[in-house]
Amino acid sequence: MGADWIFHSGRIFDGRQLHPAATAVAVADGRITALGSDAEVRAAAGTATETVDLGGRLLTPGFTDAHVHAVYGGVERLGCDLSELSGLDTVLERVRGYAASTDRPWITGGGWHKADFPGGYPTRELLDAIVSDRPVYLINADHHSAWVNSRALELAGVDAATPDPEDGWVERETDGHPAGTLHEGAMDLVNRFLPPLTDEDLEAGLLEAQRYLHSVGVTGWQEAILGDYAGYPDASSIYRSLAGRGLLTGRASGALWVPRSTTTENVMELVADFEERRRSNREAGFGTTSAKIMVDGVPENRTAAMLDPYLRPCRCGEADGPGGHAVQAEEDDSRGLLYLPEEVLNEVSAALDAAGFDLHMHVIGDRAVRRGLDAVEHLRARNPRTPGGFRGRHHMAHLQIVHPQDVARFAALGVTVNAQALWACNDDQMLQMTVPLIGDTRAGWQYPFHSLLARGARMAMGSDWPVSTPDPWQAIHVAVNRAHPAYPDAPPLLPAEAVTLQTALSAYTAGSAWLNRHDDGGGILPGRAADLVVLDVDPFRLDPADLHTVGTALTMANGRVVHAPSRSGALA
């Protein structure tokens, strides 16, 4: 009898609640073997190879990120990383410095924020002034737009005569010449000329992502796109390789990408391909039980699908009635984009559900939310659950604008809320770019977490990194406060939609682990996998305004320490 690890003298959050009595946990062979008081755990476990004195701090299950682009994030961190910068001058200086430090034929990376540029979109001239000899392609933070210089446009043959694609558009100058920002499908006009990422690039990116995720307490995640998208290839082979070599320390899963070119005629071919990819990934130790469907875009560039038209900001900044950028949408141009026709979305959703896949839908606008719910309603009717049979853990990510009439449908249809809670606040992008386009009424329908939970919906959480930080405590802070610590003077966004710390922490641990079908993780219970995080404080004893300061002292995945900057001393 004996334990590999004993954590003692702390408080325990078991994935659902703060445990009323437990202060200690024992771990052996990668599993939790005992939970209780210090004395009870020591009596049950006997000796331990390693002990950790929690000193009153909180021990939680490892965080599971239910929506992340880990490989993209890692690759961008190793390239020209703009994700943690603020201010135009700082961004330009980083690009200049990175270009000077590398002889790569293309300058790539990303993470720039729309709020740092006048009007929200940067120009080619800004890049031309600092890098004119090589093409530059930088994806923005939400990955729905790209910033390019004149050399990149020239190499791609994109000029004033180049038409906009059906699923995006080119920002243009008054004479029609590309201004330097490409939206949605227009990104492909340039990114198809990028040097292909090698397996070595992707592996380095995933290893860097894994290290970074572990450093903020994330032990499991769902790679939200596995397929050729926006210049990034399917990274499944990299996951399989790392898993086979014992280098994949995180509990990773993935979502296979449903192309926007899907039609009713090729649905069964796509499903057969997904089944084969799922089989080969599973055999290598990388579960891919989800299918990713991009239903719409984002509101800042008018590609989120809305039930009513966008407002057109006039020069004075006030709305002057319906309007919007002239893009080729499925229906009314001023109501955004739906990337799949209704019959295609219904058919592919039902076929994937019948094949045992969980749907992972990107939905932002209220029309996209409704269309996605309609698709789930369709598949539930078409594929009734049999006793002991499969029931898809279908979920919708982002959920920015939800019409009040649709709130109760989530619980009724068994659709999980996959929340990126960090966005539920009044920041510069919200106040300067989003609200002027959607108006006050729809602004009051944003991120209705409390309302969804009150009507019985399940909740998971994710970061969408590299769109935003993967640190769970930044998102939990906003979920609880409905305000971002970087904007102390901004009013909370719909404070009635705040959730409790217990709810947010449970969503980011047990809720996301369940969603990813990591059913032996997400909780601190005997027999569960030892995915554990020692926090540097007990957040339940903090002022809610300080939740963003919580840090990670130790991360354990499957009983193995994967992050411990202070092992020598504080954790002895």
Protein backbone atom coordinates (compact mmCIF):
# COMPACT_ATOMS: atom_id res chain seq x y z
CA MET A 1 0.00 0.00 0.00
CA GLY A 2 1.21 3.49 -0.74
CA ALA A 3 0.60 6.57 -2.85
CA ASP A 4 2.67 8.35 -5.44
CA TRP A 5 1.34 11.70 -4.26
CA ILE A 6 -0.57 13.12 -1.32
CA PHE A 7 -1.95 16.66 -1.43
CA HIS A 8 -2.94 17.84 2.05
CA SER A 9 -3.92 20.81 4.22
CA GLY A 10 -6.01 22.58 1.61
CA ARG A 11 -9.50 22.90 0.23
CA ILE A 12 -10.90 20.72 -2.53
CA PHE A 13 -13.19 21.67 -5.41
CA ASP A 14 -14.43 18.33 -6.70
CA GLY A 15 -15.68 19.54 -10.09
CA ARG A 16 -19.19 20.37 -8.90
CA GLN A 17 -18.78 22.05 -5.54
CA LEU A 18 -16.34 23.05 -2.83
CA HIS A 19 -16.09 19.85 -0.83
CA PRO A 20 -17.59 20.45 2.64
CA ALA A 21 -15.00 18.40 4.55
CA ALA A 22 -12.14 17.10 2.40
CA THR A 23 -8.67 18.63 2.78
CA ALA A 24 -6.51 15.96 1.15
CA VAL A 25 -6.22 13.76 -1.94
CA ALA A 26 -4.03 10.73 -2.71
CA VAL A 27 -2.84 9.69 -6.17
CA ALA A 28 -1.36 6.38 -7.33
CA ASP A 29 -0.75 5.02 -10.84
CA GLY A 30 -2.33 8.08 -12.42
CA ARG A 31 -5.59 7.75 -10.50
CA ILE A 32 -7.15 9.41 -7.49
CA THR A 33 -7.21 6.77 -4.76
CA ALA A 34 -8.46 8.65 -1.70
CA LEU A 35 -10.34 11.84 -0.82
CA GLY A 36 -11.06 13.08 2.68
CA SER A 37 -9.50 14.75 5.68
CA ASP A 38 -5.72 14.74 6.07
CA ALA A 39 -5.95 11.91 8.59
CA GLU A 40 -8.37 9.85 6.50
CA VAL A 41 -6.25 10.11 3.37
CA ARG A 42 -3.02 9.28 5.16
CA ALA A 43 -4.69 6.27 6.80
CA ALA A 44 -6.03 5.07 3.46
CA ALA A 45 -2.93 5.77 1.40
CA GLY A 46 -0.13 5.07 3.84
CA THR A 47 3.21 6.42 2.73
CA ALA A 48 3.65 8.71 -0.27
CA THR A 49 6.57 9.22 -2.60
CA GLU A 50 5.74 12.93 -2.91
CA THR A 51 3.69 15.21 -0.70
CA VAL A 52 2.30 18.67 -1.42
CA ASP A 53 1.33 20.97 1.41
CA LEU A 54 -1.51 23.02 -0.02
CA GLY A 55 -1.31 25.49 2.83
CA GLY A 56 -4.97 26.41 2.57
CA ARG A 57 -4.90 26.81 -1.18
CA LEU A 58 -7.44 25.21 -3.51
CA LEU A 59 -6.97 21.93 -5.38
CA THR A 60 -9.22 21.61 -8.44
CA PRO A 61 -9.65 19.17 -11.31
CA GLY A 62 -7.56 20.06 -14.33
CA PHE A 63 -9.24 22.57 -16.61
CA THR A 64 -10.60 21.31 -19.93
CA ASP A 65 -10.78 23.83 -22.76
CA ALA A 66 -13.82 22.90 -24.83
CA HIS A 67 -12.89 25.11 -27.80
CA VAL A 68 -9.27 25.88 -28.61
CA HIS A 69 -7.02 26.00 -31.65
CA ALA A 70 -3.95 24.64 -29.92
CA VAL A 71 -1.81 23.93 -32.98
CA TYR A 72 -2.67 27.31 -34.55
CA GLY A 73 -1.92 29.03 -31.25
CA GLY A 74 1.43 27.32 -30.85
CA VAL A 75 2.48 28.06 -34.42
CA GLU A 76 1.50 31.71 -34.00
CA ARG A 77 3.43 31.96 -30.72
CA LEU A 78 6.51 30.74 -32.57
CA GLY A 79 5.90 33.23 -35.41
CA CYS A 80 5.05 36.92 -35.33
CA ASP A 81 2.86 36.78 -32.24
CA LEU A 82 0.71 39.88 -31.74
CA SER A 83 -1.89 38.32 -29.43
CA GLU A 84 -0.83 39.93 -26.16
CA LEU A 85 -0.08 43.38 -27.56
CA SER A 86 -2.15 46.55 -27.38
CA GLY A 87 -1.78 49.74 -29.40
CA LEU A 88 -0.89 50.38 -33.03
CA ASP A 89 2.71 51.46 -32.41
CA THR A 90 3.43 48.39 -30.30
CA VAL A 91 1.99 46.10 -32.97
CA LEU A 92 4.03 47.70 -35.76
CA GLU A 93 7.20 47.52 -33.70
CA ARG A 94 6.69 43.80 -33.09
CA VAL A 95 6.22 43.17 -36.83
CA ARG A 96 9.33 45.20 -37.60
CA GLY A 97 11.39 43.35 -35.01
CA TYR A 98 10.19 39.92 -36.08
CA ALA A 99 10.89 40.62 -39.76
CA ALA A 100 14.43 41.72 -38.87
CA SER A 101 14.99 38.53 -36.86
CA THR A 102 14.11 36.01 -39.58
CA ASP A 103 14.97 35.27 -43.17
CA ARG A 104 11.73 33.39 -43.83
CA PRO A 105 10.31 34.17 -47.27
CA TRP A 106 6.90 35.11 -45.76
CA ILE A 107 6.22 36.98 -42.52
CA THR A 108 3.35 35.11 -40.87
CA GLY A 109 1.68 35.01 -37.50
CA GLY A 110 -1.22 36.91 -36.06
CA GLY A 111 -3.30 37.95 -33.11
CA TRP A 112 -3.90 41.62 -33.94
CA HIS A 113 -7.01 43.25 -32.50
CA LYS A 114 -9.43 45.36 -34.51
CA ALA A 115 -9.72 47.99 -31.79
CA ASP A 116 -6.06 48.96 -32.34
CA PHE A 117 -6.77 50.31 -35.83
CA PRO A 118 -8.88 53.26 -37.01
CA GLY A 119 -12.16 51.85 -38.27
CA GLY A 120 -11.15 48.40 -37.09
CA TYR A 121 -9.11 47.34 -40.12
CA PRO A 122 -5.40 47.87 -40.82
CA THR A 123 -4.04 48.90 -44.21
CA ARG A 124 -1.32 47.55 -46.47
CA GLU A 125 0.52 50.89 -46.26
CA LEU A 126 1.18 50.33 -42.55
CA LEU A 127 2.96 47.08 -43.38
CA ASP A 128 4.61 48.41 -46.54
CA ALA A 129 6.37 51.06 -44.47
CA ILE A 130 8.15 48.44 -42.37
CA VAL A 131 8.28 45.32 -44.61
CA SER A 132 8.23 45.94 -48.35
CA ASP A 133 10.63 43.27 -49.65
CA ARG A 134 8.70 40.20 -48.46
CA PRO A 135 5.01 39.29 -48.33
CA VAL A 136 3.25 39.62 -44.96
CA TYR A 137 0.14 37.65 -43.91
CA LEU A 138 -1.12 38.19 -40.35
CA ILE A 139 -4.39 36.70 -39.12
CA ASN A 140 -6.41 38.80 -36.69
CA ALA A 141 -7.32 37.67 -33.19
CA ASP A 142 -10.69 36.22 -34.15
CA HIS A 143 -9.28 34.44 -37.23
CA HIS A 144 -11.99 35.88 -39.47
CA SER A 145 -9.77 38.46 -41.20
CA ALA A 146 -6.18 38.78 -42.39
CA TRP A 147 -3.84 41.76 -42.80
CA VAL A 148 -1.55 41.74 -45.81
CA ASN A 149 0.99 44.04 -47.42
CA SER A 150 1.27 45.07 -51.06
CA ARG A 151 3.88 42.40 -51.81
CA ALA A 152 1.51 39.65 -50.65
CA LEU A 153 -1.31 41.03 -52.80
CA GLU A 154 1.03 41.28 -55.78
CA LEU A 155 2.27 37.69 -55.44
CA ALA A 156 -1.33 36.47 -55.14
CA GLY A 157 -2.48 38.51 -58.13
CA VAL A 158 -5.15 40.30 -56.10
CA ASP A 159 -5.98 43.74 -57.44
CA ALA A 160 -8.90 46.07 -58.14
CA ALA A 161 -10.30 43.66 -60.74
CA THR A 162 -10.35 40.66 -58.39
CA PRO A 163 -13.96 39.86 -57.47
CA ASP A 164 -15.03 39.17 -53.91
CA PRO A 165 -15.65 35.48 -53.18
CA GLU A 166 -19.15 34.40 -52.21
CA ASP A 167 -18.15 33.76 -48.59
CA GLY A 168 -16.14 36.92 -47.87
CA TRP A 169 -14.83 40.18 -49.23
CA VAL A 170 -11.82 42.43 -49.68
CA GLU A 171 -11.66 45.80 -47.95
CA ARG A 172 -11.07 48.27 -50.76
CA GLU A 173 -9.92 51.83 -51.34
CA THR A 174 -12.12 54.25 -53.25
CA ASP A 175 -10.60 53.13 -56.57
CA GLY A 176 -11.31 49.47 -55.79
CA HIS A 177 -7.72 48.54 -54.98
CA PRO A 178 -7.37 46.15 -52.01
CA ALA A 179 -6.80 48.18 -48.86
CA GLY A 180 -4.97 45.43 -46.95
CA THR A 181 -7.63 43.53 -44.98
CA LEU A 182 -9.26 40.34 -46.23
CA HIS A 183 -12.41 38.95 -44.61
CA GLU A 184 -13.55 35.33 -44.29
CA GLY A 185 -13.29 33.49 -47.60
CA ALA A 186 -11.27 36.32 -49.13
CA MET A 187 -8.39 35.25 -46.89
CA ASP A 188 -7.98 32.26 -49.20
CA LEU A 189 -7.06 34.59 -52.08
CA VAL A 190 -3.67 35.03 -50.40
CA ASN A 191 -3.19 32.22 -47.90
CA ARG A 192 -3.14 29.58 -50.63
CA PHE A 193 0.23 31.04 -51.64
CA LEU A 194 1.76 30.68 -48.18
CA PRO A 195 4.62 28.19 -47.86
CA PRO A 196 2.99 25.03 -46.53
CA LEU A 197 3.53 24.33 -42.86
CA THR A 198 5.75 21.30 -42.44
CA ASP A 199 5.16 18.50 -39.97
CA GLU A 200 8.07 19.93 -38.02
CA ASP A 201 6.32 23.32 -37.85
CA LEU A 202 3.08 21.74 -36.65
CA GLU A 203 4.78 19.51 -34.09
CA ALA A 204 6.74 22.44 -32.66
CA GLY A 205 3.49 24.42 -32.50
CA LEU A 206 1.60 21.68 -30.69
CA LEU A 207 4.39 21.10 -28.18
CA GLU A 208 4.57 24.84 -27.45
CA ALA A 209 0.78 25.00 -27.14
CA GLN A 210 0.72 22.03 -24.76
CA ARG A 211 3.42 23.62 -22.58
CA TYR A 212 1.53 26.90 -22.49
CA LEU A 213 -1.84 25.28 -21.76
CA HIS A 214 -0.38 23.25 -18.89
CA SER A 215 1.14 26.44 -17.46
CA VAL A 216 -2.36 27.87 -16.96
CA GLY A 217 -3.81 24.66 -15.55
CA VAL A 218 -5.33 23.18 -18.71
CA THR A 219 -4.97 19.38 -18.82
CA GLY A 220 -7.48 18.60 -21.56
CA TRP A 221 -8.81 20.34 -24.63
CA GLN A 222 -10.75 20.01 -27.87
CA GLU A 223 -8.88 21.05 -31.01
CA ALA A 224 -11.74 22.93 -32.62
CA ILE A 225 -10.79 22.52 -36.29
CA LEU A 226 -9.15 19.45 -37.83
CA GLY A 227 -9.14 20.07 -41.55
CA ASP A 228 -7.73 22.44 -44.13
CA TYR A 229 -8.90 25.87 -43.03
CA ALA A 230 -7.45 29.41 -43.41
CA GLY A 231 -4.05 28.10 -44.45
CA TYR A 232 -3.73 25.55 -41.63
CA PRO A 233 -3.68 21.86 -42.54
CA ASP A 234 -5.31 19.04 -40.59
CA ALA A 235 -3.04 18.39 -37.60
CA SER A 236 -4.45 14.94 -36.80
CA SER A 237 -1.24 13.21 -37.89
CA ILE A 238 0.76 15.37 -35.48
CA TYR A 239 -1.51 14.43 -32.59
CA ARG A 240 -1.23 10.76 -33.55
CA SER A 241 2.53 11.01 -33.72
CA LEU A 242 2.93 12.71 -30.34
CA ALA A 243 0.48 10.29 -28.72
CA GLY A 244 2.36 7.32 -30.12
CA ARG A 245 5.68 8.65 -28.79
CA GLY A 246 4.30 9.42 -25.36
CA LEU A 247 4.70 13.18 -25.83
CA LEU A 248 1.00 14.09 -25.74
CA THR A 249 0.64 14.73 -22.02
CA GLY A 250 -2.70 16.52 -22.29
CA ARG A 251 -6.05 14.75 -22.64
CA ALA A 252 -6.68 16.04 -26.16
CA SER A 253 -9.64 15.47 -28.46
CA GLY A 254 -10.60 17.06 -31.74
CA ALA A 255 -13.41 18.21 -34.03
CA LEU A 256 -13.29 17.23 -37.70
CA TRP A 257 -13.97 20.21 -39.96
CA VAL A 258 -17.11 20.21 -42.13
CA PRO A 259 -16.13 22.21 -45.24
CA ARG A 260 -18.29 25.10 -46.34
CA SER A 261 -18.44 23.46 -49.77
CA THR A 262 -20.50 20.55 -48.37
CA THR A 263 -23.66 19.77 -50.35
CA THR A 264 -26.53 17.34 -49.91
CA GLU A 265 -24.99 15.23 -52.67
CA ASN A 266 -21.67 14.65 -50.86
CA VAL A 267 -22.88 14.33 -47.25
CA MET A 268 -22.57 10.55 -47.07
CA GLU A 269 -19.12 10.66 -48.64
CA LEU A 270 -18.07 13.18 -45.99
CA VAL A 271 -19.49 11.06 -43.17
CA ALA A 272 -17.68 7.96 -44.43
CA ASP A 273 -14.44 9.93 -44.54
CA PHE A 274 -15.04 11.20 -40.98
CA GLU A 275 -15.67 7.67 -39.74
CA GLU A 276 -12.36 6.46 -41.18
CA ARG A 277 -10.47 9.43 -39.75
CA ARG A 278 -12.12 8.89 -36.36
CA ARG A 279 -11.06 5.23 -36.41
CA SER A 280 -7.41 5.93 -37.26
CA ASN A 281 -7.17 8.76 -34.73
CA ARG A 282 -8.78 6.66 -31.99
CA GLU A 283 -6.41 3.75 -32.60
CA ALA A 284 -3.48 6.14 -32.15
CA GLY A 285 -4.87 7.47 -28.86
CA PHE A 286 -6.40 10.71 -30.16
CA GLY A 287 -10.18 10.86 -29.89
CA THR A 288 -12.06 12.80 -32.58
CA THR A 289 -15.73 12.33 -31.78
CA SER A 290 -16.85 15.86 -32.70
CA ALA A 291 -17.64 17.49 -36.03
CA LYS A 292 -17.10 21.23 -36.40
CA ILE A 293 -19.65 23.25 -38.35
CA MET A 294 -19.10 26.97 -38.93
CA VAL A 295 -22.67 28.26 -39.14
CA ASP A 296 -21.86 31.98 -39.45
CA GLY A 297 -19.12 34.59 -38.95
CA VAL A 298 -18.66 37.49 -36.53
CA PRO A 299 -20.60 40.75 -36.08
CA GLU A 300 -17.71 43.20 -36.40
CA ASN A 301 -17.40 42.51 -40.11
CA ARG A 302 -21.15 41.86 -40.55
CA THR A 303 -20.76 38.14 -41.21
CA ALA A 304 -22.58 36.92 -38.07
CA ALA A 305 -26.05 35.86 -39.24
CA MET A 306 -28.79 38.09 -37.81
CA LEU A 307 -32.57 37.77 -37.85
CA ASP A 308 -32.89 41.49 -38.55
CA PRO A 309 -30.57 43.69 -40.61
CA TYR A 310 -27.44 45.26 -39.23
CA LEU A 311 -27.45 48.99 -38.55
CA ARG A 312 -25.23 51.15 -40.73
CA PRO A 313 -23.19 53.58 -38.60
CA CYS A 314 -23.21 57.02 -40.18
CA ARG A 315 -20.36 59.53 -39.94
CA CYS A 316 -21.65 60.88 -36.65
CA GLY A 317 -21.58 57.36 -35.19
CA GLU A 318 -25.38 57.00 -34.94
CA ALA A 319 -27.36 54.30 -36.72
CA ASP A 320 -29.24 55.49 -39.80
CA GLY A 321 -31.24 52.41 -40.63
CA PRO A 322 -30.75 49.02 -42.26
CA GLY A 323 -27.71 48.41 -44.39
CA GLY A 324 -24.38 46.65 -44.44
CA HIS A 325 -21.45 45.68 -46.61
CA ALA A 326 -22.49 44.23 -49.94
CA VAL A 327 -21.41 40.61 -49.55
CA GLN A 328 -22.94 37.63 -51.23
CA ALA A 329 -25.04 36.23 -48.41
CA GLU A 330 -27.55 33.43 -48.70
CA GLU A 331 -30.47 35.74 -48.04
CA ASP A 332 -30.59 39.47 -47.26
CA ASP A 333 -27.10 40.95 -47.69
CA SER A 334 -27.50 43.11 -44.60
CA ARG A 335 -28.15 40.17 -42.27
CA GLY A 336 -24.77 38.45 -42.45
CA LEU A 337 -23.67 35.07 -43.75
CA LEU A 338 -24.94 31.53 -43.29
CA TYR A 339 -22.24 29.26 -44.64
CA LEU A 340 -24.46 26.25 -45.31
CA PRO A 341 -27.97 26.34 -46.79
CA GLU A 342 -30.67 25.10 -44.41
CA GLU A 343 -31.19 21.79 -46.19
CA VAL A 344 -27.44 21.08 -46.17
CA LEU A 345 -27.05 21.94 -42.49
CA ASN A 346 -30.01 19.72 -41.59
CA GLU A 347 -28.81 16.83 -43.71
CA VAL A 348 -25.17 16.86 -42.62
CA SER A 349 -26.12 17.34 -38.96
CA ALA A 350 -28.52 14.38 -38.99
CA ALA A 351 -26.06 12.15 -40.85
CA LEU A 352 -23.21 12.95 -38.46
CA ASP A 353 -25.45 12.38 -35.45
CA ALA A 354 -26.52 9.02 -36.86
CA ALA A 355 -22.84 8.12 -37.25
CA GLY A 356 -22.12 8.91 -33.60
CA PHE A 357 -20.52 12.35 -33.88
CA ASP A 358 -21.10 15.26 -31.50
CA LEU A 359 -21.84 18.48 -33.35
CA HIS A 360 -19.64 21.44 -32.45
CA MET A 361 -21.29 24.50 -34.00
CA HIS A 362 -19.82 27.97 -34.29
CA VAL A 363 -22.80 30.31 -33.82
CA ILE A 364 -22.60 34.04 -33.09
CA GLY A 365 -25.68 35.82 -34.46
CA ASP A 366 -29.26 35.18 -33.39
CA ARG A 367 -30.19 33.82 -36.83
CA ALA A 368 -27.29 31.35 -36.67
CA VAL A 369 -28.33 30.26 -33.18
CA ARG A 370 -31.87 29.61 -34.38
CA ARG A 371 -30.70 27.81 -37.50
CA GLY A 372 -28.40 25.60 -35.43
CA LEU A 373 -31.15 24.76 -32.95
CA ASP A 374 -33.47 23.94 -35.82
CA ALA A 375 -30.86 21.51 -37.17
CA VAL A 376 -30.60 19.76 -33.80
CA GLU A 377 -34.38 19.60 -33.54
CA HIS A 378 -34.43 18.03 -36.99
CA LEU A 379 -31.84 15.39 -36.12
CA ARG A 380 -33.44 14.54 -32.77
CA ALA A 381 -36.68 13.78 -34.61
CA ARG A 382 -34.93 11.87 -37.38
CA ASN A 383 -32.64 9.84 -35.10
CA PRO A 384 -34.68 9.01 -31.99
CA ARG A 385 -32.59 7.69 -29.14
CA THR A 386 -33.00 4.02 -28.36
CA PRO A 387 -32.51 2.60 -24.83
CA GLY A 388 -28.76 2.43 -24.25
CA GLY A 389 -28.15 4.03 -27.63
CA PHE A 390 -25.98 6.98 -28.65
CA ARG A 391 -27.09 10.48 -27.78
CA GLY A 392 -24.94 13.20 -29.23
CA ARG A 393 -23.42 15.72 -26.86
CA HIS A 394 -24.11 18.51 -29.31
CA HIS A 395 -22.93 21.97 -28.40
CA MET A 396 -22.82 25.52 -29.64
CA ALA A 397 -19.72 27.65 -29.19
CA HIS A 398 -19.64 31.44 -28.71
CA LEU A 399 -23.39 32.17 -28.54
CA GLN A 400 -23.03 35.92 -28.57
CA ILE A 401 -26.56 37.03 -29.53
CA VAL A 402 -29.40 34.71 -28.55
CA HIS A 403 -33.00 35.73 -29.23
CA PRO A 404 -35.02 35.39 -25.98
CA GLN A 405 -37.45 33.03 -27.72
CA ASP A 406 -34.62 30.54 -28.23
CA VAL A 407 -33.19 30.45 -24.69
CA ALA A 408 -35.37 27.57 -23.45
CA ARG A 409 -34.67 25.44 -26.53
CA PHE A 410 -31.12 24.58 -25.41
CA ALA A 411 -32.24 22.44 -22.48
CA ALA A 412 -35.20 21.05 -24.38
CA LEU A 413 -32.96 19.84 -27.22
CA GLY A 414 -30.02 18.81 -25.06
CA VAL A 415 -27.66 21.39 -26.57
CA THR A 416 -24.73 22.37 -24.34
CA VAL A 417 -23.60 25.99 -24.03
CA ASN A 418 -19.91 26.08 -24.98
CA ALA A 419 -19.10 29.51 -23.57
CA GLN A 420 -16.13 31.73 -24.33
CA ALA A 421 -16.91 33.84 -21.30
CA LEU A 422 -13.99 36.26 -21.65
CA TRP A 423 -15.93 38.04 -24.40
CA ALA A 424 -18.98 38.80 -22.23
CA CYS A 425 -17.86 42.30 -21.28
CA ASN A 426 -17.79 45.90 -22.44
CA ASP A 427 -14.38 46.33 -24.03
CA ASP A 428 -13.31 48.63 -26.88
CA GLN A 429 -14.41 46.20 -29.57
CA MET A 430 -17.83 45.76 -28.00
CA LEU A 431 -18.46 49.46 -27.47
CA GLN A 432 -16.90 50.85 -30.63
CA MET A 433 -17.60 48.16 -33.21
CA THR A 434 -20.29 45.68 -32.14
CA VAL A 435 -23.02 47.69 -30.42
CA PRO A 436 -23.21 50.34 -33.19
CA LEU A 437 -23.92 47.53 -35.68
CA ILE A 438 -26.50 45.57 -33.70
CA GLY A 439 -28.22 48.30 -31.66
CA ASP A 440 -29.30 48.44 -28.04
CA THR A 441 -32.05 45.81 -28.16
CA ARG A 442 -29.85 43.05 -29.52
CA ALA A 443 -26.97 44.23 -27.35
CA GLY A 444 -29.22 43.24 -24.44
CA TRP A 445 -29.34 39.62 -25.68
CA GLN A 446 -25.60 38.99 -25.54
CA TYR A 447 -24.05 35.99 -23.79
CA PRO A 448 -27.15 35.15 -21.69
CA PHE A 449 -25.37 32.60 -19.50
CA HIS A 450 -27.54 32.94 -16.41
CA SER A 451 -30.76 32.77 -18.43
CA LEU A 452 -29.62 29.65 -20.28
CA LEU A 453 -28.63 27.91 -17.05
CA ALA A 454 -31.84 28.97 -15.31
CA ARG A 455 -33.80 27.20 -18.08
CA GLY A 456 -31.83 23.98 -17.51
CA ALA A 457 -29.01 24.12 -20.07
CA ARG A 458 -25.62 22.50 -19.48
CA MET A 459 -22.51 24.67 -19.68
CA ALA A 460 -18.94 24.03 -20.71
CA MET A 461 -16.22 26.62 -21.22
CA GLY A 462 -13.36 27.22 -23.59
CA SER A 463 -11.04 30.00 -24.66
CA ASP A 464 -10.92 29.95 -28.48
CA TRP A 465 -7.19 30.59 -28.06
CA PRO A 466 -5.38 32.11 -29.96
CA VAL A 467 -8.41 34.38 -30.44
CA SER A 468 -8.13 35.12 -26.71
CA THR A 469 -5.99 33.98 -23.80
CA PRO A 470 -6.28 30.32 -22.73
CA ASP A 471 -5.94 31.29 -19.04
CA PRO A 472 -9.22 30.02 -17.51
CA TRP A 473 -9.12 32.60 -14.73
CA GLN A 474 -9.46 35.50 -17.13
CA ALA A 475 -12.66 33.96 -18.52
CA ILE A 476 -13.96 32.97 -15.07
CA HIS A 477 -13.38 36.54 -13.88
CA VAL A 478 -15.59 37.89 -16.67
CA ALA A 479 -18.23 35.18 -16.23
CA VAL A 480 -18.60 36.18 -12.58
CA ASN A 481 -18.18 39.95 -12.92
CA ARG A 482 -19.35 40.56 -16.53
CA ALA A 483 -16.47 43.02 -16.71
CA HIS A 484 -12.88 42.81 -17.95
CA PRO A 485 -10.10 43.85 -15.56
CA ALA A 486 -8.38 45.77 -18.36
CA TYR A 487 -11.44 48.06 -18.65
CA PRO A 488 -12.12 49.14 -15.07
CA ASP A 489 -14.19 52.17 -16.09
CA ALA A 490 -16.55 50.28 -18.40
CA PRO A 491 -19.92 49.24 -16.95
CA PRO A 492 -20.58 45.50 -16.57
CA LEU A 493 -22.25 43.90 -19.57
CA LEU A 494 -25.74 42.76 -18.51
CA PRO A 495 -24.78 41.93 -14.89
CA ALA A 496 -27.96 39.91 -14.41
CA GLU A 497 -26.40 37.32 -16.75
CA ALA A 498 -23.43 36.73 -14.41
CA VAL A 499 -22.84 33.26 -12.97
CA THR A 500 -21.36 32.22 -9.64
CA LEU A 501 -17.74 31.20 -9.17
CA GLN A 502 -18.87 27.65 -8.41
CA THR A 503 -20.84 27.50 -11.67
CA ALA A 504 -18.01 28.90 -13.78
CA LEU A 505 -15.38 26.65 -12.22
CA SER A 506 -17.59 23.60 -12.65
CA ALA A 507 -18.22 24.47 -16.30
CA TYR A 508 -14.48 24.78 -17.01
CA THR A 509 -13.68 21.45 -15.32
CA ALA A 510 -16.48 18.88 -15.08
CA GLY A 511 -18.65 20.50 -17.76
CA SER A 512 -16.00 20.64 -20.45
CA ALA A 513 -14.59 17.19 -19.58
CA TRP A 514 -18.08 15.71 -20.04
CA LEU A 515 -18.52 17.54 -23.32
CA ASN A 516 -15.22 16.12 -24.60
CA ARG A 517 -16.27 12.62 -23.47
CA HIS A 518 -13.43 12.53 -20.96
CA ASP A 519 -15.78 10.77 -18.58
CA ASP A 520 -13.03 9.59 -16.22
CA GLY A 521 -11.77 13.16 -15.76
CA GLY A 522 -13.13 16.53 -14.73
CA GLY A 523 -13.64 15.62 -11.08
CA ILE A 524 -11.80 14.81 -7.87
CA LEU A 525 -13.27 11.46 -6.88
CA PRO A 526 -11.66 8.09 -6.13
CA GLY A 527 -11.11 6.23 -9.37
CA ARG A 528 -10.98 9.31 -11.58
CA ALA A 529 -7.92 10.26 -13.60
CA ALA A 530 -5.47 12.37 -11.61
CA ASP A 531 -5.79 15.57 -13.65
CA LEU A 532 -5.25 18.14 -10.91
CA VAL A 533 -4.35 21.79 -10.47
CA VAL A 534 -2.95 23.48 -7.37
CA LEU A 535 -3.92 27.15 -7.42
CA ASP A 536 -1.74 29.76 -5.79
CA VAL A 537 -4.69 30.95 -3.64
CA ASP A 538 -8.19 29.86 -2.70
CA PRO A 539 -10.37 31.88 -5.11
CA PHE A 540 -13.46 31.31 -2.96
CA ARG A 541 -11.84 33.56 -0.36
CA LEU A 542 -11.02 36.33 -2.84
CA ASP A 543 -12.97 39.44 -3.68
CA PRO A 544 -14.61 38.59 -7.05
CA ALA A 545 -12.87 41.63 -8.54
CA ASP A 546 -9.55 39.82 -8.00
CA LEU A 547 -10.35 36.52 -9.68
CA HIS A 548 -8.22 37.42 -12.69
CA THR A 549 -5.13 37.33 -10.42
CA VAL A 550 -5.44 33.61 -9.63
CA GLY A 551 -2.44 31.63 -10.85
CA THR A 552 -1.33 28.04 -11.25
CA ALA A 553 1.25 26.60 -8.85
CA LEU A 554 1.23 23.00 -10.15
CA THR A 555 -0.49 21.08 -12.94
CA MET A 556 -0.77 17.30 -12.98
CA ALA A 557 -2.04 15.30 -15.96
CA ASN A 558 -2.72 11.58 -15.56
CA GLY A 559 -0.74 11.58 -12.35
CA ARG A 560 2.30 13.22 -13.95
CA VAL A 561 3.44 16.72 -13.05
CA VAL A 562 3.52 18.75 -16.26
CA HIS A 563 3.93 22.23 -14.79
CA ALA A 564 5.47 23.18 -11.45
CA PRO A 565 7.52 26.39 -11.48
CA SER A 566 7.88 26.38 -7.67
CA ARG A 567 8.40 22.69 -6.89
CA SER A 568 11.49 23.45 -4.84
CA GLY A 569 10.04 25.07 -1.76
CA ALA A 570 6.42 26.11 -1.61
CA LEU A 571 5.07 22.76 -2.73
CA ALA A 572 7.40 20.50 -0.76
